[in-house]
Amino acid sequence: MTNNTALPWREVLKDDKIHTITGDVWVIEAFPIPELQTERRIWIYLPKSYHEGDRRYPVLYMHDGQNVFNQATSWGSEWGVDETLEQMAFDEPELEAIVVAIDNGGDQRNN
């Protein structure tokens, strides 16, 4: 049985690599996708104020999740979405958002 519970990224990525994740990022290691008969890693960024009150947030869904937040898992350069959102929240808190990023299919990405 696979673990499809969201955990803080530090509890999931326990290797010796240098991770560049900023902010409150959670990871589901193996989210089931029965329609494709596969599982994918899901990354979830939560804004700073997420655990305060009952505010609603827009949600941005992104492909190629391994590139979105972390240089250690990216296929090239990390996209820096987490750093950008952290700065936006500092400058304009009303722009806070949740980001859900799904990893691509690895060597089957183009399929």
PDB file of N, CA and C in Angstrom:
ATOM      1  N   MET A   1       0.852  -1.185   0.000  1.00  0.00           N
ATOM      2  CA  MET A   1       0.000   0.000   0.000  1.00  0.00           C
ATOM      3  C   MET A   1       0.893   1.243   0.000  1.00  0.00           C
ATOM      4  N   THR A   2       0.535   2.218  -0.799  1.00  0.00           N
ATOM      5  CA  THR A   2       1.313   3.448  -0.883  1.00  0.00           C
ATOM      6  C   THR A   2       0.766   4.493   0.068  1.00  0.00           C
ATOM      7  N   ASN A   3       1.620   5.440   0.385  1.00  0.00           N
ATOM      8  CA  ASN A   3       1.226   6.504   1.296  1.00  0.00           C
ATOM      9  C   ASN A   3       0.730   7.695   0.491  1.00  0.00           C
ATOM     10  N   ASN A   4      -0.561   8.010   0.602  1.00  0.00           N
ATOM     11  CA  ASN A   4      -1.098   9.169  -0.103  1.00  0.00           C
ATOM     12  C   ASN A   4      -1.568  10.247   0.874  1.00  0.00           C
ATOM     13  N   THR A   5      -0.866  10.354   1.995  1.00  0.00           N
ATOM     14  CA  THR A   5      -1.120  11.378   2.992  1.00  0.00           C
ATOM     15  C   THR A   5      -0.161  12.545   2.766  1.00  0.00           C
ATOM     16  N   ALA A   6      -0.677  13.753   2.826  1.00  0.00           N
ATOM     17  CA  ALA A   6       0.186  14.935   2.683  1.00  0.00           C
ATOM     18  C   ALA A   6       1.023  15.101   3.944  1.00  0.00           C
ATOM     19  N   LEU A   7       2.328  15.226   3.744  1.00  0.00           N
ATOM     20  CA  LEU A   7       3.274  15.417   4.843  1.00  0.00           C
ATOM     21  C   LEU A   7       4.139  16.636   4.554  1.00  0.00           C
ATOM     22  N   PRO A   8       4.655  17.294   5.603  1.00  0.00           N
ATOM     23  CA  PRO A   8       5.603  18.384   5.363  1.00  0.00           C
ATOM     24  C   PRO A   8       6.773  17.860   4.528  1.00  0.00           C
ATOM     25  N   TRP A   9       7.279  18.665   3.605  1.00  0.00           N
ATOM     26  CA  TRP A   9       8.283  18.178   2.660  1.00  0.00           C
ATOM     27  C   TRP A   9       9.511  17.598   3.349  1.00  0.00           C
ATOM     28  N   ARG A  10       9.896  18.131   4.506  1.00  0.00           N
ATOM     29  CA  ARG A  10      11.083  17.626   5.208  1.00  0.00           C
ATOM     30  C   ARG A  10      10.903  16.184   5.699  1.00  0.00           C
ATOM     31  N   GLU A  11       9.661  15.752   5.874  1.00  0.00           N
ATOM     32  CA  GLU A  11       9.398  14.374   6.288  1.00  0.00           C
ATOM     33  C   GLU A  11       9.409  13.415   5.093  1.00  0.00           C
ATOM     34  N   VAL A  12       9.331  13.951   3.900  1.00  0.00           N
ATOM     35  CA  VAL A  12       9.293  13.126   2.691  1.00  0.00           C
ATOM     36  C   VAL A  12      10.664  13.069   2.014  1.00  0.00           C
ATOM     37  N   LEU A  13      11.302  14.214   1.868  1.00  0.00           N
ATOM     38  CA  LEU A  13      12.589  14.307   1.166  1.00  0.00           C
ATOM     39  C   LEU A  13      13.717  14.260   2.186  1.00  0.00           C
ATOM     40  N   LYS A  14      14.100  13.062   2.577  1.00  0.00           N
ATOM     41  CA  LYS A  14      15.090  12.881   3.647  1.00  0.00           C
ATOM     42  C   LYS A  14      16.472  12.529   3.109  1.00  0.00           C
ATOM     43  N   ASP A  15      16.738  12.822   1.852  1.00  0.00           N
ATOM     44  CA  ASP A  15      18.029  12.490   1.264  1.00  0.00           C
ATOM     45  C   ASP A  15      19.070  13.562   1.593  1.00  0.00           C
ATOM     46  N   ASP A  16      20.258  13.401   1.058  1.00  0.00           N
ATOM     47  CA  ASP A  16      21.361  14.325   1.345  1.00  0.00           C
ATOM     48  C   ASP A  16      21.435  15.501   0.384  1.00  0.00           C
ATOM     49  N   LYS A  17      20.476  15.613  -0.523  1.00  0.00           N
ATOM     50  CA  LYS A  17      20.496  16.700  -1.498  1.00  0.00           C
ATOM     51  C   LYS A  17      20.182  18.035  -0.821  1.00  0.00           C
ATOM     52  N   ILE A  18      20.597  19.115  -1.467  1.00  0.00           N
ATOM     53  CA  ILE A  18      20.284  20.458  -0.971  1.00  0.00           C
ATOM     54  C   ILE A  18      18.949  20.868  -1.576  1.00  0.00           C
ATOM     55  N   HIS A  19      17.937  20.975  -0.736  1.00  0.00           N
ATOM     56  CA  HIS A  19      16.592  21.325  -1.178  1.00  0.00           C
ATOM     57  C   HIS A  19      16.381  22.831  -1.040  1.00  0.00           C
ATOM     58  N   THR A  20      15.714  23.423  -2.018  1.00  0.00           N
ATOM     59  CA  THR A  20      15.538  24.879  -2.064  1.00  0.00           C
ATOM     60  C   THR A  20      14.088  25.288  -1.834  1.00  0.00           C
ATOM     61  N   ILE A  21      13.343  24.465  -1.143  1.00  0.00           N
ATOM     62  CA  ILE A  21      11.930  24.723  -0.901  1.00  0.00           C
ATOM     63  C   ILE A  21      11.788  25.821   0.148  1.00  0.00           C
ATOM     64  N   THR A  22      10.899  26.771  -0.128  1.00  0.00           N
ATOM     65  CA  THR A  22      10.645  27.901   0.761  1.00  0.00           C
ATOM     66  C   THR A  22       9.176  27.902   1.153  1.00  0.00           C
ATOM     67  N   GLY A  23       8.885  28.170   2.409  1.00  0.00           N
ATOM     68  CA  GLY A  23       7.496  28.267   2.848  1.00  0.00           C
ATOM     69  C   GLY A  23       6.923  26.921   3.262  1.00  0.00           C
ATOM     70  N   ASP A  24       5.609  26.888   3.356  1.00  0.00           N
ATOM     71  CA  ASP A  24       4.865  25.731   3.862  1.00  0.00           C
ATOM     72  C   ASP A  24       4.468  24.827   2.694  1.00  0.00           C
ATOM     73  N   VAL A  25       5.347  23.891   2.345  1.00  0.00           N
ATOM     74  CA  VAL A  25       5.102  22.978   1.229  1.00  0.00           C
ATOM     75  C   VAL A  25       4.914  21.568   1.778  1.00  0.00           C
ATOM     76  N   TRP A  26       3.838  20.927   1.333  1.00  0.00           N
ATOM     77  CA  TRP A  26       3.503  19.567   1.725  1.00  0.00           C
ATOM     78  C   TRP A  26       3.607  18.676   0.495  1.00  0.00           C
ATOM     79  N   VAL A  27       3.842  17.393   0.726  1.00  0.00           N
ATOM     80  CA  VAL A  27       4.021  16.456  -0.376  1.00  0.00           C
ATOM     81  C   VAL A  27       3.180  15.205  -0.137  1.00  0.00           C
ATOM     82  N   ILE A  28       2.491  14.772  -1.179  1.00  0.00           N
ATOM     83  CA  ILE A  28       1.858  13.454  -1.192  1.00  0.00           C
ATOM     84  C   ILE A  28       2.744  12.609  -2.100  1.00  0.00           C
ATOM     85  N   GLU A  29       3.363  11.603  -1.551  1.00  0.00           N
ATOM     86  CA  GLU A  29       4.332  10.812  -2.311  1.00  0.00           C
ATOM     87  C   GLU A  29       3.711  10.052  -3.476  1.00  0.00           C
ATOM     88  N   ALA A  30       2.552   9.503  -3.269  1.00  0.00           N
ATOM     89  CA  ALA A  30       1.971   8.646  -4.296  1.00  0.00           C
ATOM     90  C   ALA A  30       0.455   8.863  -4.369  1.00  0.00           C
ATOM     91  N   PHE A  31       0.048   9.902  -5.070  1.00  0.00           N
ATOM     92  CA  PHE A  31      -1.373  10.195  -5.240  1.00  0.00           C
ATOM     93  C   PHE A  31      -1.916   9.299  -6.358  1.00  0.00           C
ATOM     94  N   PRO A  32      -2.940   8.498  -6.065  1.00  0.00           N
ATOM     95  CA  PRO A  32      -3.433   7.565  -7.085  1.00  0.00           C
ATOM     96  C   PRO A  32      -4.186   8.277  -8.208  1.00  0.00           C
ATOM     97  N   ILE A  33      -3.903   7.853  -9.436  1.00  0.00           N
ATOM     98  CA  ILE A  33      -4.617   8.321 -10.622  1.00  0.00           C
ATOM     99  C   ILE A  33      -5.124   7.075 -11.343  1.00  0.00           C
ATOM    100  N   PRO A  34      -6.265   6.541 -10.896  1.00  0.00           N
ATOM    101  CA  PRO A  34      -6.744   5.264 -11.442  1.00  0.00           C
ATOM    102  C   PRO A  34      -7.027   5.310 -12.939  1.00  0.00           C
ATOM    103  N   GLU A  35      -7.445   6.469 -13.447  1.00  0.00           N
ATOM    104  CA  GLU A  35      -7.748   6.572 -14.877  1.00  0.00           C
ATOM    105  C   GLU A  35      -6.519   6.311 -15.742  1.00  0.00           C
ATOM    106  N   LEU A  36      -5.344   6.628 -15.221  1.00  0.00           N
ATOM    107  CA  LEU A  36      -4.086   6.403 -15.935  1.00  0.00           C
ATOM    108  C   LEU A  36      -3.332   5.190 -15.402  1.00  0.00           C
ATOM    109  N   GLN A  37      -3.938   4.531 -14.422  1.00  0.00           N
ATOM    110  CA  GLN A  37      -3.331   3.355 -13.787  1.00  0.00           C
ATOM    111  C   GLN A  37      -1.925   3.658 -13.276  1.00  0.00           C
ATOM    112  N   THR A  38      -1.805   4.772 -12.568  1.00  0.00           N
ATOM    113  CA  THR A  38      -0.512   5.186 -12.049  1.00  0.00           C
ATOM    114  C   THR A  38      -0.692   6.012 -10.783  1.00  0.00           C
ATOM    115  N   GLU A  39       0.413   6.437 -10.226  1.00  0.00           N
ATOM    116  CA  GLU A  39       0.443   7.350  -9.080  1.00  0.00           C
ATOM    117  C   GLU A  39       1.445   8.446  -9.409  1.00  0.00           C
ATOM    118  N   ARG A  40       1.251   9.605  -8.830  1.00  0.00           N
ATOM    119  CA  ARG A  40       2.178  10.712  -9.032  1.00  0.00           C
ATOM    120  C   ARG A  40       2.395  11.432  -7.707  1.00  0.00           C
ATOM    121  N   ARG A  41       3.568  12.023  -7.575  1.00  0.00           N
ATOM    122  CA  ARG A  41       3.846  12.866  -6.410  1.00  0.00           C
ATOM    123  C   ARG A  41       3.137  14.201  -6.619  1.00  0.00           C
ATOM    124  N   ILE A  42       2.526  14.703  -5.545  1.00  0.00           N
ATOM    125  CA  ILE A  42       1.811  15.977  -5.549  1.00  0.00           C
ATOM    126  C   ILE A  42       2.475  16.893  -4.522  1.00  0.00           C
ATOM    127  N   TRP A  43       2.715  18.132  -4.930  1.00  0.00           N
ATOM    128  CA  TRP A  43       3.281  19.160  -4.057  1.00  0.00           C
ATOM    129  C   TRP A  43       2.181  20.177  -3.772  1.00  0.00           C
ATOM    130  N   ILE A  44       2.072  20.615  -2.520  1.00  0.00           N
ATOM    131  CA  ILE A  44       1.034  21.579  -2.138  1.00  0.00           C
ATOM    132  C   ILE A  44       1.684  22.719  -1.353  1.00  0.00           C
ATOM    133  N   TYR A  45       1.617  23.918  -1.910  1.00  0.00           N
ATOM    134  CA  TYR A  45       2.121  25.111  -1.227  1.00  0.00           C
ATOM    135  C   TYR A  45       0.944  25.787  -0.536  1.00  0.00           C
ATOM    136  N   LEU A  46       1.112  26.062   0.752  1.00  0.00           N
ATOM    137  CA  LEU A  46       0.090  26.765   1.528  1.00  0.00           C
ATOM    138  C   LEU A  46       0.614  28.144   1.912  1.00  0.00           C
ATOM    139  N   PRO A  47      -0.200  29.183   1.728  1.00  0.00           N
ATOM    140  CA  PRO A  47       0.239  30.541   2.065  1.00  0.00           C
ATOM    141  C   PRO A  47       0.451  30.714   3.565  1.00  0.00           C
ATOM    142  N   LYS A  48       1.215  31.745   3.914  1.00  0.00           N
ATOM    143  CA  LYS A  48       1.553  32.012   5.322  1.00  0.00           C
ATOM    144  C   LYS A  48       0.329  32.092   6.228  1.00  0.00           C
ATOM    145  N   SER A  49      -0.734  32.702   5.742  1.00  0.00           N
ATOM    146  CA  SER A  49      -1.920  32.919   6.598  1.00  0.00           C
ATOM    147  C   SER A  49      -2.917  31.759   6.527  1.00  0.00           C
ATOM    148  N   TYR A  50      -2.555  30.669   5.906  1.00  0.00           N
ATOM    149  CA  TYR A  50      -3.495  29.568   5.682  1.00  0.00           C
ATOM    150  C   TYR A  50      -4.106  29.034   6.976  1.00  0.00           C
ATOM    151  N   HIS A  51      -3.335  28.911   8.011  1.00  0.00           N
ATOM    152  CA  HIS A  51      -3.815  28.318   9.270  1.00  0.00           C
ATOM    153  C   HIS A  51      -4.451  29.347  10.210  1.00  0.00           C
ATOM    154  N   GLU A  52      -4.649  30.573   9.716  1.00  0.00           N
ATOM    155  CA  GLU A  52      -5.264  31.635  10.514  1.00  0.00           C
ATOM    156  C   GLU A  52      -6.653  31.939   9.964  1.00  0.00           C
ATOM    157  N   GLY A  53      -7.661  31.694  10.734  1.00  0.00           N
ATOM    158  CA  GLY A  53      -9.012  32.051  10.317  1.00  0.00           C
ATOM    159  C   GLY A  53      -9.588  31.129   9.251  1.00  0.00           C
ATOM    160  N   ASP A  54     -10.595  31.658   8.556  1.00  0.00           N
ATOM    161  CA  ASP A  54     -11.306  30.834   7.572  1.00  0.00           C
ATOM    162  C   ASP A  54     -11.301  31.465   6.178  1.00  0.00           C
ATOM    163  N   ARG A  55     -10.268  32.178   5.873  1.00  0.00           N
ATOM    164  CA  ARG A  55     -10.123  32.821   4.566  1.00  0.00           C
ATOM    165  C   ARG A  55     -10.096  31.780   3.433  1.00  0.00           C
ATOM    166  N   ARG A  56     -10.640  32.161   2.292  1.00  0.00           N
ATOM    167  CA  ARG A  56     -10.578  31.320   1.096  1.00  0.00           C
ATOM    168  C   ARG A  56      -9.450  31.824   0.203  1.00  0.00           C
ATOM    169  N   TYR A  57      -8.838  30.899  -0.527  1.00  0.00           N
ATOM    170  CA  TYR A  57      -7.705  31.237  -1.379  1.00  0.00           C
ATOM    171  C   TYR A  57      -7.931  30.714  -2.792  1.00  0.00           C
ATOM    172  N   PRO A  58      -7.448  31.447  -3.777  1.00  0.00           N
ATOM    173  CA  PRO A  58      -7.445  30.877  -5.121  1.00  0.00           C
ATOM    174  C   PRO A  58      -6.439  29.725  -5.157  1.00  0.00           C
ATOM    175  N   VAL A  59      -6.687  28.761  -6.047  1.00  0.00           N
ATOM    176  CA  VAL A  59      -5.791  27.617  -6.189  1.00  0.00           C
ATOM    177  C   VAL A  59      -5.252  27.597  -7.611  1.00  0.00           C
ATOM    178  N   LEU A  60      -3.936  27.490  -7.701  1.00  0.00           N
ATOM    179  CA  LEU A  60      -3.265  27.394  -8.986  1.00  0.00           C
ATOM    180  C   LEU A  60      -2.749  25.963  -9.130  1.00  0.00           C
ATOM    181  N   TYR A  61      -3.139  25.295 -10.216  1.00  0.00           N
ATOM    182  CA  TYR A  61      -2.692  23.931 -10.479  1.00  0.00           C
ATOM    183  C   TYR A  61      -1.586  23.987 -11.527  1.00  0.00           C
ATOM    184  N   MET A  62      -0.470  23.306 -11.249  1.00  0.00           N
ATOM    185  CA  MET A  62       0.678  23.367 -12.145  1.00  0.00           C
ATOM    186  C   MET A  62       1.159  21.967 -12.510  1.00  0.00           C
ATOM    187  N   HIS A  63       1.601  21.823 -13.749  1.00  0.00           N
ATOM    188  CA  HIS A  63       2.217  20.582 -14.215  1.00  0.00           C
ATOM    189  C   HIS A  63       3.706  20.599 -13.887  1.00  0.00           C
ATOM    190  N   ASP A  64       4.380  19.468 -14.119  1.00  0.00           N
ATOM    191  CA  ASP A  64       5.826  19.354 -13.891  1.00  0.00           C
ATOM    192  C   ASP A  64       6.201  19.753 -12.471  1.00  0.00           C
ATOM    193  N   GLY A  65       5.463  19.204 -11.506  1.00  0.00           N
ATOM    194  CA  GLY A  65       5.608  19.569 -10.099  1.00  0.00           C
ATOM    195  C   GLY A  65       7.013  19.496  -9.560  1.00  0.00           C
ATOM    196  N   GLN A  66       7.827  18.557 -10.046  1.00  0.00           N
ATOM    197  CA  GLN A  66       9.184  18.442  -9.532  1.00  0.00           C
ATOM    198  C   GLN A  66      10.031  19.665  -9.848  1.00  0.00           C
ATOM    199  N   ASN A  67       9.591  20.503 -10.787  1.00  0.00           N
ATOM    200  CA  ASN A  67      10.328  21.718 -11.150  1.00  0.00           C
ATOM    201  C   ASN A  67       9.841  22.965 -10.408  1.00  0.00           C
ATOM    202  N   VAL A  68       8.685  22.910  -9.806  1.00  0.00           N
ATOM    203  CA  VAL A  68       7.997  24.097  -9.315  1.00  0.00           C
ATOM    204  C   VAL A  68       8.656  24.720  -8.082  1.00  0.00           C
ATOM    205  N   PHE A  69       9.092  23.898  -7.118  1.00  0.00           N
ATOM    206  CA  PHE A  69       9.557  24.414  -5.836  1.00  0.00           C
ATOM    207  C   PHE A  69      11.002  24.073  -5.469  1.00  0.00           C
ATOM    208  N   ASN A  70      11.632  23.111  -6.130  1.00  0.00           N
ATOM    209  CA  ASN A  70      12.835  22.514  -5.585  1.00  0.00           C
ATOM    210  C   ASN A  70      13.895  22.227  -6.644  1.00  0.00           C
ATOM    211  N   GLN A  71      15.050  22.830  -6.497  1.00  0.00           N
ATOM    212  CA  GLN A  71      16.152  22.594  -7.436  1.00  0.00           C
ATOM    213  C   GLN A  71      16.605  21.133  -7.410  1.00  0.00           C
ATOM    214  N   ALA A  72      16.581  20.512  -6.241  1.00  0.00           N
ATOM    215  CA  ALA A  72      17.077  19.139  -6.106  1.00  0.00           C
ATOM    216  C   ALA A  72      16.243  18.121  -6.881  1.00  0.00           C
ATOM    217  N   THR A  73      14.989  18.426  -7.165  1.00  0.00           N
ATOM    218  CA  THR A  73      14.140  17.486  -7.900  1.00  0.00           C
ATOM    219  C   THR A  73      13.820  17.952  -9.315  1.00  0.00           C
ATOM    220  N   SER A  74      14.285  19.138  -9.688  1.00  0.00           N
ATOM    221  CA  SER A  74      13.923  19.679 -11.004  1.00  0.00           C
ATOM    222  C   SER A  74      14.743  19.041 -12.115  1.00  0.00           C
ATOM    223  N   TRP A  75      14.228  19.143 -13.329  1.00  0.00           N
ATOM    224  CA  TRP A  75      14.897  18.613 -14.513  1.00  0.00           C
ATOM    225  C   TRP A  75      15.853  19.636 -15.103  1.00  0.00           C
ATOM    226  N   GLY A  76      15.965  20.759 -14.523  1.00  0.00           N
ATOM    227  CA  GLY A  76      16.827  21.837 -15.019  1.00  0.00           C
ATOM    228  C   GLY A  76      16.969  22.852 -13.912  1.00  0.00           C
ATOM    229  N   SER A  77      16.290  23.951 -14.065  1.00  0.00           N
ATOM    230  CA  SER A  77      16.273  24.978 -13.033  1.00  0.00           C
ATOM    231  C   SER A  77      14.910  25.023 -12.364  1.00  0.00           C
ATOM    232  N   GLU A  78      14.947  25.122 -11.052  1.00  0.00           N
ATOM    233  CA  GLU A  78      13.702  25.283 -10.289  1.00  0.00           C
ATOM    234  C   GLU A  78      12.988  26.537 -10.763  1.00  0.00           C
ATOM    235  N   TRP A  79      11.676  26.502 -10.814  1.00  0.00           N
ATOM    236  CA  TRP A  79      10.893  27.635 -11.303  1.00  0.00           C
ATOM    237  C   TRP A  79      10.730  28.743 -10.268  1.00  0.00           C
ATOM    238  N   GLY A  80      10.968  28.470  -8.977  1.00  0.00           N
ATOM    239  CA  GLY A  80      10.918  29.506  -7.952  1.00  0.00           C
ATOM    240  C   GLY A  80       9.527  29.997  -7.606  1.00  0.00           C
ATOM    241  N   VAL A  81       8.529  29.154  -7.793  1.00  0.00           N
ATOM    242  CA  VAL A  81       7.153  29.564  -7.506  1.00  0.00           C
ATOM    243  C   VAL A  81       6.973  29.854  -6.019  1.00  0.00           C
ATOM    244  N   ASP A  82       7.574  29.051  -5.164  1.00  0.00           N
ATOM    245  CA  ASP A  82       7.447  29.258  -3.722  1.00  0.00           C
ATOM    246  C   ASP A  82       8.085  30.575  -3.285  1.00  0.00           C
ATOM    247  N   GLU A  83       9.276  30.872  -3.775  1.00  0.00           N
ATOM    248  CA  GLU A  83       9.930  32.128  -3.422  1.00  0.00           C
ATOM    249  C   GLU A  83       9.119  33.329  -3.918  1.00  0.00           C
ATOM    250  N   THR A  84       8.570  33.199  -5.113  1.00  0.00           N
ATOM    251  CA  THR A  84       7.754  34.285  -5.669  1.00  0.00           C
ATOM    252  C   THR A  84       6.504  34.514  -4.823  1.00  0.00           C
ATOM    253  N   LEU A  85       5.829  33.442  -4.440  1.00  0.00           N
ATOM    254  CA  LEU A  85       4.620  33.570  -3.627  1.00  0.00           C
ATOM    255  C   LEU A  85       4.928  34.122  -2.238  1.00  0.00           C
ATOM    256  N   GLU A  86       6.048  33.721  -1.668  1.00  0.00           N
ATOM    257  CA  GLU A  86       6.434  34.254  -0.356  1.00  0.00           C
ATOM    258  C   GLU A  86       6.654  35.761  -0.441  1.00  0.00           C
ATOM    259  N   GLN A  87       7.322  36.217  -1.500  1.00  0.00           N
ATOM    260  CA  GLN A  87       7.560  37.652  -1.669  1.00  0.00           C
ATOM    261  C   GLN A  87       6.255  38.393  -1.940  1.00  0.00           C
ATOM    262  N   MET A  88       5.393  37.802  -2.774  1.00  0.00           N
ATOM    263  CA  MET A  88       4.099  38.432  -3.048  1.00  0.00           C
ATOM    264  C   MET A  88       3.281  38.582  -1.777  1.00  0.00           C
ATOM    265  N   ALA A  89       3.298  37.565  -0.912  1.00  0.00           N
ATOM    266  CA  ALA A  89       2.539  37.622   0.340  1.00  0.00           C
ATOM    267  C   ALA A  89       3.074  38.718   1.253  1.00  0.00           C
ATOM    268  N   PHE A  90       4.366  38.932   1.199  1.00  0.00           N
ATOM    269  CA  PHE A  90       4.977  39.995   1.993  1.00  0.00           C
ATOM    270  C   PHE A  90       4.558  41.360   1.455  1.00  0.00           C
ATOM    271  N   ASP A  91       4.620  41.514   0.121  1.00  0.00           N
ATOM    272  CA  ASP A  91       4.305  42.794  -0.515  1.00  0.00           C
ATOM    273  C   ASP A  91       2.810  43.075  -0.563  1.00  0.00           C
ATOM    274  N   GLU A  92       2.021  42.070  -0.901  1.00  0.00           N
ATOM    275  CA  GLU A  92       0.573  42.228  -1.067  1.00  0.00           C
ATOM    276  C   GLU A  92      -0.143  40.975  -0.560  1.00  0.00           C
ATOM    277  N   PRO A  93      -0.410  40.893   0.737  1.00  0.00           N
ATOM    278  CA  PRO A  93      -0.992  39.691   1.335  1.00  0.00           C
ATOM    279  C   PRO A  93      -2.297  39.230   0.684  1.00  0.00           C
ATOM    280  N   GLU A  94      -3.042  40.155   0.079  1.00  0.00           N
ATOM    281  CA  GLU A  94      -4.309  39.761  -0.552  1.00  0.00           C
ATOM    282  C   GLU A  94      -4.088  38.886  -1.789  1.00  0.00           C
ATOM    283  N   LEU A  95      -2.857  38.775  -2.255  1.00  0.00           N
ATOM    284  CA  LEU A  95      -2.548  37.948  -3.429  1.00  0.00           C
ATOM    285  C   LEU A  95      -2.139  36.520  -3.064  1.00  0.00           C
ATOM    286  N   GLU A  96      -2.216  36.162  -1.789  1.00  0.00           N
ATOM    287  CA  GLU A  96      -1.844  34.811  -1.383  1.00  0.00           C
ATOM    288  C   GLU A  96      -2.685  33.780  -2.137  1.00  0.00           C
ATOM    289  N   ALA A  97      -2.063  32.634  -2.425  1.00  0.00           N
ATOM    290  CA  ALA A  97      -2.733  31.561  -3.161  1.00  0.00           C
ATOM    291  C   ALA A  97      -2.165  30.220  -2.727  1.00  0.00           C
ATOM    292  N   ILE A  98      -2.943  29.179  -2.970  1.00  0.00           N
ATOM    293  CA  ILE A  98      -2.502  27.802  -2.804  1.00  0.00           C
ATOM    294  C   ILE A  98      -2.018  27.325  -4.170  1.00  0.00           C
ATOM    295  N   VAL A  99      -0.937  26.544  -4.181  1.00  0.00           N
ATOM    296  CA  VAL A  99      -0.468  25.946  -5.430  1.00  0.00           C
ATOM    297  C   VAL A  99      -0.440  24.435  -5.254  1.00  0.00           C
ATOM    298  N   VAL A 100      -1.045  23.734  -6.196  1.00  0.00           N
ATOM    299  CA  VAL A 100      -1.002  22.282  -6.241  1.00  0.00           C
ATOM    300  C   VAL A 100      -0.248  21.914  -7.513  1.00  0.00           C
ATOM    301  N   ALA A 101       0.871  21.206  -7.359  1.00  0.00           N
ATOM    302  CA  ALA A 101       1.710  20.867  -8.503  1.00  0.00           C
ATOM    303  C   ALA A 101       1.863  19.350  -8.584  1.00  0.00           C
ATOM    304  N   ILE A 102       1.624  18.797  -9.749  1.00  0.00           N
ATOM    305  CA  ILE A 102       1.707  17.361  -9.951  1.00  0.00           C
ATOM    306  C   ILE A 102       2.945  17.029 -10.782  1.00  0.00           C
ATOM    307  N   ASP A 103       3.723  16.063 -10.309  1.00  0.00           N
ATOM    308  CA  ASP A 103       4.911  15.638 -11.054  1.00  0.00           C
ATOM    309  C   ASP A 103       4.506  15.091 -12.421  1.00  0.00           C
ATOM    310  N   ASN A 104       5.397  15.232 -13.369  1.00  0.00           N
ATOM    311  CA  ASN A 104       5.133  14.642 -14.678  1.00  0.00           C
ATOM    312  C   ASN A 104       5.466  13.155 -14.654  1.00  0.00           C
ATOM    313  N   GLY A 105       5.287  12.483 -15.751  1.00  0.00           N
ATOM    314  CA  GLY A 105       5.461  11.033 -15.819  1.00  0.00           C
ATOM    315  C   GLY A 105       6.873  10.564 -16.057  1.00  0.00           C
ATOM    316  N   GLY A 106       7.868  11.407 -15.775  1.00  0.00           N
ATOM    317  CA  GLY A 106       9.265  10.990 -15.939  1.00  0.00           C
ATOM    318  C   GLY A 106       9.577  10.716 -17.397  1.00  0.00           C
ATOM    319  N   ASP A 107      10.108   9.539 -17.678  1.00  0.00           N
ATOM    320  CA  ASP A 107      10.495   9.221 -19.054  1.00  0.00           C
ATOM    321  C   ASP A 107       9.291   9.071 -19.980  1.00  0.00           C
ATOM    322  N   GLN A 108       8.092   9.043 -19.419  1.00  0.00           N
ATOM    323  CA  GLN A 108       6.862   8.974 -20.219  1.00  0.00           C
ATOM    324  C   GLN A 108       6.153  10.324 -20.292  1.00  0.00           C
ATOM    325  N   ARG A 109       6.842  11.413 -19.918  1.00  0.00           N
ATOM    326  CA  ARG A 109       6.233  12.729 -19.866  1.00  0.00           C
ATOM    327  C   ARG A 109       5.551  13.117 -21.167  1.00  0.00           C
ATOM    328  N   ASN A 110       6.179  12.935 -22.279  1.00  0.00           N
ATOM    329  CA  ASN A 110       5.626  13.367 -23.555  1.00  0.00           C
ATOM    330  C   ASN A 110       4.464  12.509 -24.040  1.00  0.00           C
ATOM    331  N   ASN A 111       4.264  11.383 -23.403  1.00  0.00           N
ATOM    332  CA  ASN A 111       3.112  10.549 -23.756  1.00  0.00           C
ATOM    333  C   ASN A 111       1.871  11.006 -23.033  1.00  0.00           C
TER     334      ASN A 111
END
